[in-house]
N, C-alpha and C. Protein backbone atom coordinates (compact mmCIF):
# COMPACT_ATOMS: atom_id res chain seq x y z
N MET A 1 -11.11 25.23 15.08
CA MET A 1 -11.73 23.92 15.00
C MET A 1 -11.33 23.06 16.20
N ILE A 2 -10.04 23.09 16.58
CA ILE A 2 -9.60 22.26 17.70
C ILE A 2 -10.32 22.68 18.99
N ASP A 3 -10.51 23.98 19.19
CA ASP A 3 -11.23 24.43 20.39
C ASP A 3 -12.66 23.88 20.41
N GLN A 4 -13.31 23.84 19.26
CA GLN A 4 -14.67 23.28 19.19
C GLN A 4 -14.66 21.80 19.54
N ILE A 5 -13.65 21.10 19.07
CA ILE A 5 -13.55 19.67 19.36
C ILE A 5 -13.32 19.45 20.85
N VAL A 6 -12.47 20.25 21.46
CA VAL A 6 -12.20 20.13 22.89
C VAL A 6 -13.48 20.39 23.69
N GLU A 7 -14.25 21.38 23.28
CA GLU A 7 -15.52 21.66 23.96
C GLU A 7 -16.49 20.48 23.82
N TYR A 8 -16.59 19.94 22.61
CA TYR A 8 -17.44 18.78 22.38
C TYR A 8 -17.02 17.63 23.28
N ASN A 9 -15.70 17.43 23.39
CA ASN A 9 -15.17 16.33 24.18
C ASN A 9 -15.60 16.42 25.64
N LYS A 10 -15.62 17.62 26.17
CA LYS A 10 -16.05 17.79 27.58
C LYS A 10 -17.48 17.28 27.76
N THR A 11 -18.34 17.63 26.84
CA THR A 11 -19.73 17.18 26.90
C THR A 11 -19.81 15.67 26.71
N PHE A 12 -19.05 15.14 25.77
CA PHE A 12 -19.02 13.70 25.49
C PHE A 12 -18.67 12.92 26.76
N VAL A 13 -17.63 13.37 27.45
CA VAL A 13 -17.19 12.68 28.67
C VAL A 13 -18.22 12.86 29.78
N ASP A 14 -18.71 14.09 29.96
CA ASP A 14 -19.70 14.36 31.01
C ASP A 14 -20.95 13.49 30.84
N GLN A 15 -21.35 13.27 29.58
CA GLN A 15 -22.56 12.49 29.30
C GLN A 15 -22.26 11.00 29.14
N LYS A 16 -21.04 10.61 29.42
CA LYS A 16 -20.59 9.21 29.36
C LYS A 16 -20.82 8.58 27.98
N GLY A 17 -20.58 9.37 26.94
CA GLY A 17 -20.70 8.87 25.58
C GLY A 17 -19.71 7.77 25.24
N TYR A 18 -18.68 7.67 26.02
CA TYR A 18 -17.62 6.69 25.82
C TYR A 18 -18.03 5.27 26.18
N GLU A 19 -19.06 5.12 27.01
CA GLU A 19 -19.38 3.80 27.57
C GLU A 19 -19.61 2.73 26.51
N LYS A 20 -20.22 3.08 25.39
CA LYS A 20 -20.50 2.07 24.36
C LYS A 20 -19.25 1.66 23.59
N PHE A 21 -18.13 2.36 23.82
CA PHE A 21 -16.89 2.05 23.11
C PHE A 21 -15.88 1.31 23.97
N ILE A 22 -16.19 1.05 25.21
CA ILE A 22 -15.22 0.43 26.12
C ILE A 22 -14.88 -0.98 25.65
N THR A 23 -13.58 -1.23 25.56
CA THR A 23 -13.03 -2.53 25.19
C THR A 23 -11.61 -2.56 25.72
N ASP A 24 -10.87 -3.63 25.47
CA ASP A 24 -9.47 -3.63 25.88
C ASP A 24 -8.58 -3.44 24.65
N LYS A 25 -7.27 -3.54 24.83
CA LYS A 25 -6.35 -3.24 23.75
C LYS A 25 -6.18 -4.38 22.74
N TYR A 26 -6.66 -5.56 23.06
CA TYR A 26 -6.48 -6.72 22.19
C TYR A 26 -7.61 -6.81 21.17
N PRO A 27 -7.29 -6.91 19.89
CA PRO A 27 -8.35 -6.96 18.87
C PRO A 27 -9.13 -8.28 18.94
N ASN A 28 -10.43 -8.16 19.06
CA ASN A 28 -11.29 -9.33 19.18
C ASN A 28 -11.13 -10.31 18.02
N LYS A 29 -10.90 -9.79 16.83
CA LYS A 29 -10.80 -10.63 15.64
C LYS A 29 -9.36 -10.99 15.30
N LYS A 30 -8.39 -10.61 16.16
CA LYS A 30 -6.96 -10.88 15.92
C LYS A 30 -6.55 -10.39 14.53
N LEU A 31 -7.07 -9.22 14.17
CA LEU A 31 -6.91 -8.66 12.84
C LEU A 31 -6.30 -7.26 12.90
N ALA A 32 -5.42 -6.98 11.95
CA ALA A 32 -4.92 -5.62 11.73
C ALA A 32 -5.29 -5.23 10.31
N VAL A 33 -5.68 -3.99 10.14
CA VAL A 33 -6.01 -3.45 8.82
C VAL A 33 -5.10 -2.27 8.56
N LEU A 34 -4.37 -2.32 7.46
CA LEU A 34 -3.57 -1.18 7.01
C LEU A 34 -4.33 -0.52 5.89
N SER A 35 -4.67 0.75 6.07
CA SER A 35 -5.47 1.45 5.08
C SER A 35 -5.04 2.90 4.97
N CYS A 36 -5.71 3.60 4.08
CA CYS A 36 -5.42 5.00 3.82
C CYS A 36 -6.12 5.90 4.84
N MET A 37 -5.55 7.08 5.03
CA MET A 37 -6.12 8.05 5.97
C MET A 37 -7.25 8.86 5.36
N ASP A 38 -7.65 8.55 4.14
CA ASP A 38 -8.69 9.29 3.43
C ASP A 38 -9.94 9.45 4.29
N THR A 39 -10.46 10.67 4.33
CA THR A 39 -11.63 10.95 5.17
C THR A 39 -12.88 10.17 4.74
N ARG A 40 -12.94 9.76 3.48
CA ARG A 40 -14.10 8.97 3.03
C ARG A 40 -14.15 7.60 3.71
N LEU A 41 -13.02 7.16 4.24
CA LEU A 41 -12.96 5.83 4.85
C LEU A 41 -13.15 5.84 6.36
N THR A 42 -13.25 7.01 6.96
CA THR A 42 -13.33 7.10 8.41
C THR A 42 -14.42 6.19 8.98
N GLU A 43 -15.61 6.29 8.46
CA GLU A 43 -16.70 5.42 8.91
C GLU A 43 -17.00 4.32 7.91
N LEU A 44 -16.75 4.58 6.61
CA LEU A 44 -17.07 3.60 5.58
C LEU A 44 -16.26 2.31 5.74
N LEU A 45 -14.97 2.41 5.97
CA LEU A 45 -14.12 1.22 6.06
C LEU A 45 -14.59 0.25 7.14
N PRO A 46 -14.72 0.68 8.40
CA PRO A 46 -15.17 -0.30 9.40
C PRO A 46 -16.60 -0.80 9.13
N ALA A 47 -17.45 0.06 8.63
CA ALA A 47 -18.83 -0.36 8.34
C ALA A 47 -18.84 -1.41 7.23
N ALA A 48 -18.07 -1.17 6.18
CA ALA A 48 -18.04 -2.09 5.04
C ALA A 48 -17.39 -3.42 5.40
N LEU A 49 -16.49 -3.40 6.39
CA LEU A 49 -15.83 -4.63 6.81
C LEU A 49 -16.55 -5.30 7.98
N GLY A 50 -17.60 -4.67 8.48
CA GLY A 50 -18.34 -5.23 9.60
C GLY A 50 -17.56 -5.18 10.91
N LEU A 51 -16.71 -4.17 11.05
CA LEU A 51 -15.89 -4.05 12.26
C LEU A 51 -16.50 -3.05 13.22
N LYS A 52 -16.46 -3.42 14.48
CA LYS A 52 -16.90 -2.48 15.51
C LYS A 52 -15.71 -2.19 16.43
N ASN A 53 -15.87 -1.23 17.30
CA ASN A 53 -14.80 -0.85 18.21
C ASN A 53 -14.28 -2.09 18.95
N GLY A 54 -12.98 -2.29 18.93
CA GLY A 54 -12.37 -3.42 19.61
C GLY A 54 -12.10 -4.62 18.73
N ASP A 55 -12.61 -4.63 17.50
CA ASP A 55 -12.43 -5.80 16.63
C ASP A 55 -11.05 -5.89 16.00
N ALA A 56 -10.46 -4.75 15.61
CA ALA A 56 -9.22 -4.80 14.83
C ALA A 56 -8.33 -3.61 15.15
N LYS A 57 -7.06 -3.79 14.92
CA LYS A 57 -6.11 -2.69 14.96
C LYS A 57 -6.12 -2.07 13.57
N ILE A 58 -6.38 -0.78 13.49
CA ILE A 58 -6.43 -0.11 12.19
C ILE A 58 -5.28 0.88 12.13
N VAL A 59 -4.40 0.67 11.15
CA VAL A 59 -3.24 1.51 10.92
C VAL A 59 -3.52 2.30 9.66
N LYS A 60 -3.41 3.62 9.75
CA LYS A 60 -3.72 4.46 8.59
C LYS A 60 -2.55 5.39 8.28
N ASN A 61 -2.32 5.59 7.00
CA ASN A 61 -1.36 6.57 6.53
C ASN A 61 -1.73 6.99 5.11
N ALA A 62 -0.98 7.90 4.55
CA ALA A 62 -1.27 8.36 3.19
C ALA A 62 -1.03 7.23 2.20
N GLY A 63 -2.09 6.70 1.64
CA GLY A 63 -2.00 5.65 0.64
C GLY A 63 -2.13 4.24 1.18
N GLY A 64 -2.10 4.06 2.49
CA GLY A 64 -2.16 2.71 3.05
C GLY A 64 -0.95 1.88 2.66
N LEU A 65 0.22 2.49 2.76
CA LEU A 65 1.45 1.88 2.25
C LEU A 65 2.42 1.49 3.35
N VAL A 66 3.20 0.47 3.07
CA VAL A 66 4.46 0.25 3.77
C VAL A 66 5.50 0.69 2.76
N ILE A 67 6.15 1.83 3.01
CA ILE A 67 7.10 2.36 2.02
C ILE A 67 8.52 1.86 2.25
N SER A 68 8.79 1.34 3.44
CA SER A 68 10.07 0.68 3.67
C SER A 68 9.87 -0.35 4.78
N ALA A 69 10.77 -1.29 4.85
CA ALA A 69 10.64 -2.38 5.80
C ALA A 69 10.65 -1.91 7.25
N PHE A 70 11.13 -0.69 7.50
CA PHE A 70 11.23 -0.22 8.87
C PHE A 70 10.56 1.14 9.05
N ASP A 71 9.46 1.37 8.33
CA ASP A 71 8.70 2.61 8.52
C ASP A 71 7.70 2.44 9.66
N SER A 72 6.96 3.49 9.97
CA SER A 72 6.05 3.45 11.12
C SER A 72 4.87 2.49 10.91
N ALA A 73 4.43 2.32 9.67
CA ALA A 73 3.33 1.37 9.42
C ALA A 73 3.80 -0.05 9.73
N MET A 74 5.01 -0.38 9.27
CA MET A 74 5.53 -1.72 9.53
C MET A 74 5.79 -1.93 11.02
N ARG A 75 6.25 -0.89 11.69
CA ARG A 75 6.46 -0.96 13.14
C ARG A 75 5.13 -1.27 13.84
N SER A 76 4.07 -0.59 13.43
CA SER A 76 2.75 -0.83 14.03
C SER A 76 2.28 -2.25 13.80
N ILE A 77 2.54 -2.78 12.63
CA ILE A 77 2.15 -4.16 12.31
C ILE A 77 2.93 -5.14 13.18
N ILE A 78 4.22 -4.91 13.33
CA ILE A 78 5.05 -5.79 14.17
C ILE A 78 4.54 -5.77 15.61
N VAL A 79 4.25 -4.58 16.13
CA VAL A 79 3.72 -4.46 17.49
C VAL A 79 2.38 -5.19 17.59
N ALA A 80 1.53 -5.03 16.59
CA ALA A 80 0.22 -5.69 16.60
C ALA A 80 0.36 -7.21 16.65
N ILE A 81 1.35 -7.75 15.96
CA ILE A 81 1.57 -9.19 15.94
C ILE A 81 2.08 -9.68 17.30
N TYR A 82 3.16 -9.07 17.77
CA TYR A 82 3.84 -9.60 18.95
C TYR A 82 3.25 -9.14 20.28
N GLU A 83 2.69 -7.97 20.32
CA GLU A 83 2.17 -7.44 21.59
C GLU A 83 0.66 -7.64 21.73
N LEU A 84 -0.05 -7.67 20.59
CA LEU A 84 -1.51 -7.62 20.65
C LEU A 84 -2.20 -8.85 20.05
N GLY A 85 -1.42 -9.83 19.61
CA GLY A 85 -1.99 -11.11 19.18
C GLY A 85 -2.60 -11.14 17.79
N VAL A 86 -2.24 -10.20 16.93
CA VAL A 86 -2.78 -10.20 15.58
C VAL A 86 -2.26 -11.41 14.80
N GLU A 87 -3.17 -12.07 14.09
CA GLU A 87 -2.84 -13.25 13.29
C GLU A 87 -3.09 -13.04 11.80
N GLU A 88 -3.91 -12.04 11.46
CA GLU A 88 -4.22 -11.77 10.06
C GLU A 88 -4.11 -10.27 9.80
N ILE A 89 -3.67 -9.94 8.58
CA ILE A 89 -3.50 -8.54 8.20
C ILE A 89 -4.17 -8.32 6.86
N MET A 90 -5.00 -7.29 6.82
CA MET A 90 -5.62 -6.86 5.57
C MET A 90 -4.97 -5.54 5.15
N VAL A 91 -4.49 -5.48 3.93
CA VAL A 91 -4.03 -4.23 3.33
C VAL A 91 -5.19 -3.76 2.47
N VAL A 92 -5.75 -2.59 2.79
CA VAL A 92 -6.94 -2.12 2.08
C VAL A 92 -6.68 -0.73 1.51
N ALA A 93 -6.40 -0.70 0.20
CA ALA A 93 -6.29 0.56 -0.52
C ALA A 93 -7.71 0.95 -0.96
N HIS A 94 -7.84 2.06 -1.67
CA HIS A 94 -9.18 2.45 -2.11
C HIS A 94 -9.14 3.13 -3.47
N SER A 95 -10.29 3.18 -4.09
CA SER A 95 -10.42 3.84 -5.39
C SER A 95 -10.23 5.34 -5.25
N ASN A 96 -9.77 5.96 -6.29
CA ASN A 96 -9.59 7.41 -6.35
C ASN A 96 -8.76 7.97 -5.20
N CYS A 97 -7.66 7.31 -4.90
CA CYS A 97 -6.81 7.71 -3.79
C CYS A 97 -5.95 8.91 -4.19
N GLY A 98 -5.85 9.87 -3.30
CA GLY A 98 -5.04 11.05 -3.54
C GLY A 98 -3.56 10.75 -3.61
N ALA A 99 -3.12 9.64 -3.01
CA ALA A 99 -1.70 9.28 -3.06
C ALA A 99 -1.30 8.72 -4.42
N CYS A 100 -2.29 8.34 -5.21
CA CYS A 100 -2.00 7.87 -6.56
C CYS A 100 -1.54 9.08 -7.38
N HIS A 101 -0.39 8.96 -7.97
CA HIS A 101 0.23 10.03 -8.78
C HIS A 101 0.75 11.20 -7.94
N MET A 102 0.84 11.03 -6.64
CA MET A 102 1.41 12.05 -5.77
C MET A 102 2.92 12.10 -6.03
N ASN A 103 3.51 13.31 -6.00
CA ASN A 103 4.96 13.38 -6.20
C ASN A 103 5.57 14.56 -5.46
N TYR A 104 6.87 14.47 -5.24
CA TYR A 104 7.58 15.47 -4.46
C TYR A 104 7.57 16.85 -5.11
N SER A 105 7.61 16.93 -6.43
CA SER A 105 7.67 18.25 -7.07
C SER A 105 6.47 19.11 -6.68
N HIS A 106 5.31 18.50 -6.56
CA HIS A 106 4.12 19.23 -6.11
C HIS A 106 4.32 19.72 -4.67
N PHE A 107 4.78 18.82 -3.80
CA PHE A 107 5.00 19.19 -2.40
C PHE A 107 6.07 20.27 -2.28
N HIS A 108 7.11 20.15 -3.10
CA HIS A 108 8.21 21.12 -3.05
C HIS A 108 7.67 22.53 -3.28
N GLU A 109 6.88 22.71 -4.31
CA GLU A 109 6.30 24.02 -4.61
C GLU A 109 5.45 24.52 -3.44
N GLU A 110 4.62 23.66 -2.89
CA GLU A 110 3.76 24.03 -1.77
C GLU A 110 4.59 24.40 -0.54
N MET A 111 5.63 23.62 -0.27
CA MET A 111 6.48 23.88 0.89
C MET A 111 7.14 25.25 0.79
N VAL A 112 7.71 25.54 -0.36
CA VAL A 112 8.38 26.82 -0.56
C VAL A 112 7.39 27.97 -0.44
N THR A 113 6.21 27.80 -1.03
CA THR A 113 5.17 28.82 -0.93
C THR A 113 4.79 29.08 0.53
N ARG A 114 4.82 28.04 1.36
CA ARG A 114 4.42 28.17 2.77
C ARG A 114 5.58 28.49 3.69
N GLY A 115 6.75 28.82 3.13
CA GLY A 115 7.85 29.32 3.94
C GLY A 115 8.97 28.36 4.26
N ILE A 116 8.94 27.16 3.74
CA ILE A 116 10.04 26.22 3.95
C ILE A 116 11.16 26.63 2.99
N THR A 117 12.36 26.83 3.52
CA THR A 117 13.46 27.31 2.69
C THR A 117 14.18 26.16 1.98
N GLU A 118 14.82 26.51 0.88
CA GLU A 118 15.65 25.53 0.16
C GLU A 118 16.77 25.03 1.06
N GLU A 119 17.27 25.91 1.93
CA GLU A 119 18.32 25.52 2.87
C GLU A 119 17.82 24.38 3.79
N THR A 120 16.60 24.49 4.27
CA THR A 120 16.01 23.45 5.12
C THR A 120 15.89 22.15 4.34
N LEU A 121 15.41 22.24 3.11
CA LEU A 121 15.26 21.04 2.27
C LEU A 121 16.61 20.40 1.99
N ASP A 122 17.63 21.22 1.73
CA ASP A 122 18.98 20.70 1.49
C ASP A 122 19.53 20.01 2.74
N THR A 123 19.28 20.58 3.91
CA THR A 123 19.73 19.98 5.17
C THR A 123 19.10 18.60 5.35
N ILE A 124 17.82 18.50 5.06
CA ILE A 124 17.14 17.20 5.16
C ILE A 124 17.77 16.20 4.20
N ARG A 125 18.06 16.62 2.98
CA ARG A 125 18.69 15.73 2.00
C ARG A 125 20.07 15.28 2.48
N ARG A 126 20.83 16.21 3.05
CA ARG A 126 22.17 15.87 3.55
C ARG A 126 22.11 14.87 4.71
N CYS A 127 20.99 14.79 5.38
CA CYS A 127 20.81 13.81 6.46
C CYS A 127 20.46 12.43 5.92
N GLY A 128 20.41 12.32 4.60
CA GLY A 128 20.15 11.02 3.98
C GLY A 128 18.70 10.75 3.63
N ILE A 129 17.86 11.75 3.74
CA ILE A 129 16.44 11.56 3.41
C ILE A 129 16.23 11.90 1.94
N ASP A 130 15.74 10.93 1.19
CA ASP A 130 15.41 11.14 -0.22
C ASP A 130 13.95 11.61 -0.27
N LEU A 131 13.77 12.92 -0.34
CA LEU A 131 12.42 13.48 -0.32
C LEU A 131 11.59 13.03 -1.51
N ASN A 132 12.25 12.79 -2.64
CA ASN A 132 11.53 12.29 -3.82
C ASN A 132 10.88 10.94 -3.52
N ALA A 133 11.63 10.04 -2.93
CA ALA A 133 11.10 8.71 -2.61
C ALA A 133 10.12 8.77 -1.45
N TRP A 134 10.45 9.58 -0.43
CA TRP A 134 9.64 9.64 0.78
C TRP A 134 8.25 10.20 0.51
N LEU A 135 8.15 11.16 -0.38
CA LEU A 135 6.86 11.79 -0.69
C LEU A 135 6.25 11.32 -2.01
N GLU A 136 6.81 10.27 -2.57
CA GLU A 136 6.27 9.69 -3.80
C GLU A 136 5.04 8.87 -3.47
N GLY A 137 4.04 8.96 -4.30
CA GLY A 137 2.85 8.13 -4.14
C GLY A 137 3.04 6.84 -4.92
N PHE A 138 2.03 6.48 -5.67
CA PHE A 138 2.11 5.29 -6.51
C PHE A 138 1.36 5.56 -7.79
N LYS A 139 1.63 4.78 -8.81
CA LYS A 139 1.00 4.98 -10.11
C LYS A 139 -0.20 4.06 -10.33
N ASP A 140 -0.16 2.90 -9.69
CA ASP A 140 -1.17 1.88 -9.92
C ASP A 140 -1.59 1.28 -8.57
N THR A 141 -2.86 1.37 -8.24
CA THR A 141 -3.34 0.92 -6.94
C THR A 141 -3.13 -0.57 -6.74
N THR A 142 -3.42 -1.36 -7.74
CA THR A 142 -3.25 -2.81 -7.62
C THR A 142 -1.79 -3.17 -7.33
N SER A 143 -0.87 -2.59 -8.08
CA SER A 143 0.56 -2.85 -7.85
C SER A 143 0.99 -2.38 -6.47
N SER A 144 0.46 -1.26 -6.05
CA SER A 144 0.79 -0.73 -4.73
C SER A 144 0.37 -1.70 -3.63
N VAL A 145 -0.84 -2.23 -3.74
CA VAL A 145 -1.32 -3.20 -2.75
C VAL A 145 -0.43 -4.44 -2.77
N LEU A 146 -0.12 -4.95 -3.95
CA LEU A 146 0.73 -6.14 -4.04
C LEU A 146 2.11 -5.90 -3.45
N ASN A 147 2.68 -4.72 -3.70
CA ASN A 147 4.00 -4.40 -3.14
C ASN A 147 3.95 -4.36 -1.62
N THR A 148 2.91 -3.75 -1.06
CA THR A 148 2.79 -3.66 0.39
C THR A 148 2.57 -5.05 1.00
N VAL A 149 1.72 -5.85 0.39
CA VAL A 149 1.49 -7.22 0.87
C VAL A 149 2.80 -8.01 0.86
N THR A 150 3.55 -7.91 -0.23
CA THR A 150 4.82 -8.62 -0.34
C THR A 150 5.82 -8.14 0.70
N THR A 151 5.89 -6.83 0.92
CA THR A 151 6.80 -6.29 1.92
C THR A 151 6.48 -6.84 3.31
N ILE A 152 5.20 -6.92 3.64
CA ILE A 152 4.80 -7.45 4.94
C ILE A 152 5.10 -8.95 5.03
N LYS A 153 4.68 -9.71 4.01
CA LYS A 153 4.87 -11.17 4.02
C LYS A 153 6.34 -11.57 4.11
N THR A 154 7.20 -10.82 3.45
CA THR A 154 8.62 -11.19 3.39
C THR A 154 9.47 -10.48 4.44
N HIS A 155 8.84 -9.70 5.29
CA HIS A 155 9.59 -8.99 6.32
C HIS A 155 10.26 -10.00 7.25
N PRO A 156 11.53 -9.79 7.58
CA PRO A 156 12.24 -10.78 8.41
C PRO A 156 11.67 -10.94 9.81
N LEU A 157 10.87 -10.01 10.29
CA LEU A 157 10.29 -10.11 11.63
C LEU A 157 8.84 -10.58 11.65
N VAL A 158 8.27 -10.86 10.48
CA VAL A 158 6.88 -11.33 10.41
C VAL A 158 6.89 -12.85 10.32
N PRO A 159 6.28 -13.52 11.31
CA PRO A 159 6.23 -14.99 11.28
C PRO A 159 5.49 -15.49 10.04
N LYS A 160 5.88 -16.64 9.56
CA LYS A 160 5.31 -17.20 8.32
C LYS A 160 3.85 -17.62 8.48
N ASP A 161 3.36 -17.76 9.73
CA ASP A 161 1.97 -18.17 9.92
C ASP A 161 0.99 -16.99 9.90
N ILE A 162 1.49 -15.78 9.72
CA ILE A 162 0.62 -14.60 9.64
C ILE A 162 0.00 -14.53 8.25
N VAL A 163 -1.31 -14.41 8.20
CA VAL A 163 -2.03 -14.29 6.92
C VAL A 163 -2.04 -12.82 6.52
N VAL A 164 -1.61 -12.55 5.28
CA VAL A 164 -1.60 -11.18 4.76
C VAL A 164 -2.29 -11.20 3.40
N ARG A 165 -3.35 -10.39 3.27
CA ARG A 165 -4.09 -10.33 2.01
C ARG A 165 -4.36 -8.88 1.66
N GLY A 166 -4.45 -8.60 0.36
CA GLY A 166 -4.65 -7.24 -0.11
C GLY A 166 -5.99 -7.04 -0.79
N PHE A 167 -6.51 -5.81 -0.64
CA PHE A 167 -7.84 -5.48 -1.18
C PHE A 167 -7.87 -4.03 -1.65
N ILE A 168 -8.84 -3.74 -2.50
CA ILE A 168 -9.16 -2.36 -2.86
C ILE A 168 -10.64 -2.17 -2.56
N ILE A 169 -10.94 -1.13 -1.78
CA ILE A 169 -12.33 -0.83 -1.44
C ILE A 169 -12.80 0.35 -2.29
N ASP A 170 -14.00 0.27 -2.77
CA ASP A 170 -14.58 1.38 -3.51
C ASP A 170 -14.90 2.48 -2.50
N SER A 171 -14.34 3.66 -2.70
CA SER A 171 -14.48 4.73 -1.71
C SER A 171 -15.87 5.36 -1.67
N GLU A 172 -16.76 4.91 -2.53
CA GLU A 172 -18.16 5.37 -2.47
C GLU A 172 -19.08 4.28 -1.95
N THR A 173 -18.96 3.07 -2.52
CA THR A 173 -19.92 2.02 -2.17
C THR A 173 -19.43 1.10 -1.05
N GLY A 174 -18.12 1.07 -0.82
CA GLY A 174 -17.56 0.15 0.17
C GLY A 174 -17.32 -1.24 -0.35
N GLU A 175 -17.59 -1.47 -1.65
CA GLU A 175 -17.37 -2.79 -2.22
C GLU A 175 -15.88 -3.14 -2.13
N LEU A 176 -15.62 -4.34 -1.67
CA LEU A 176 -14.25 -4.81 -1.44
C LEU A 176 -13.88 -5.82 -2.52
N LYS A 177 -12.72 -5.61 -3.16
CA LYS A 177 -12.24 -6.57 -4.17
C LYS A 177 -10.84 -6.99 -3.79
N GLU A 178 -10.63 -8.29 -3.75
CA GLU A 178 -9.32 -8.80 -3.38
C GLU A 178 -8.34 -8.64 -4.53
N VAL A 179 -7.12 -8.30 -4.19
CA VAL A 179 -6.03 -8.16 -5.16
C VAL A 179 -5.20 -9.43 -5.04
N LEU A 180 -5.17 -10.20 -6.11
CA LEU A 180 -4.42 -11.45 -6.10
C LEU A 180 -3.19 -11.35 -6.99
N GLU A 181 -2.15 -12.06 -6.60
CA GLU A 181 -0.90 -12.02 -7.37
C GLU A 181 -1.04 -12.75 -8.68
């Protein structure tokens, strides 16, 4: 698959397909969106939000979560604020998310089946990584959005004038519903 993508890319560049996407690094709408990496949202999310290339910084991960105050999603948000001029942040989870009810025991079985040894897993644990917490999903989408919004709003490096709001998007229709505390 990667070879096919690389071949496509050569044609894309040769035919100057990139020209309609040219913009700079600063988001036109001074907006960052934290959302899930779900493939259903690849085109649906920006279309449903009316975003085009250059409008917003979009940060994606499994579940659209900030799982700790210093994880990579939070790092991206901090960079977006201080380096790229972001003033508003939308946390957008979605319906029927695979991270809902995700847990380490499932991953553990899959890892072992695919050749990861218990010794490797024990070494990771001894380094202070709690695999149960790190690979845990969430039980309730609304609570998850509220927790992530709160983590961002109360982060010691996020200025108080940054607007942070949470939403759940329907992964079929794109309908957006705000999650309020």
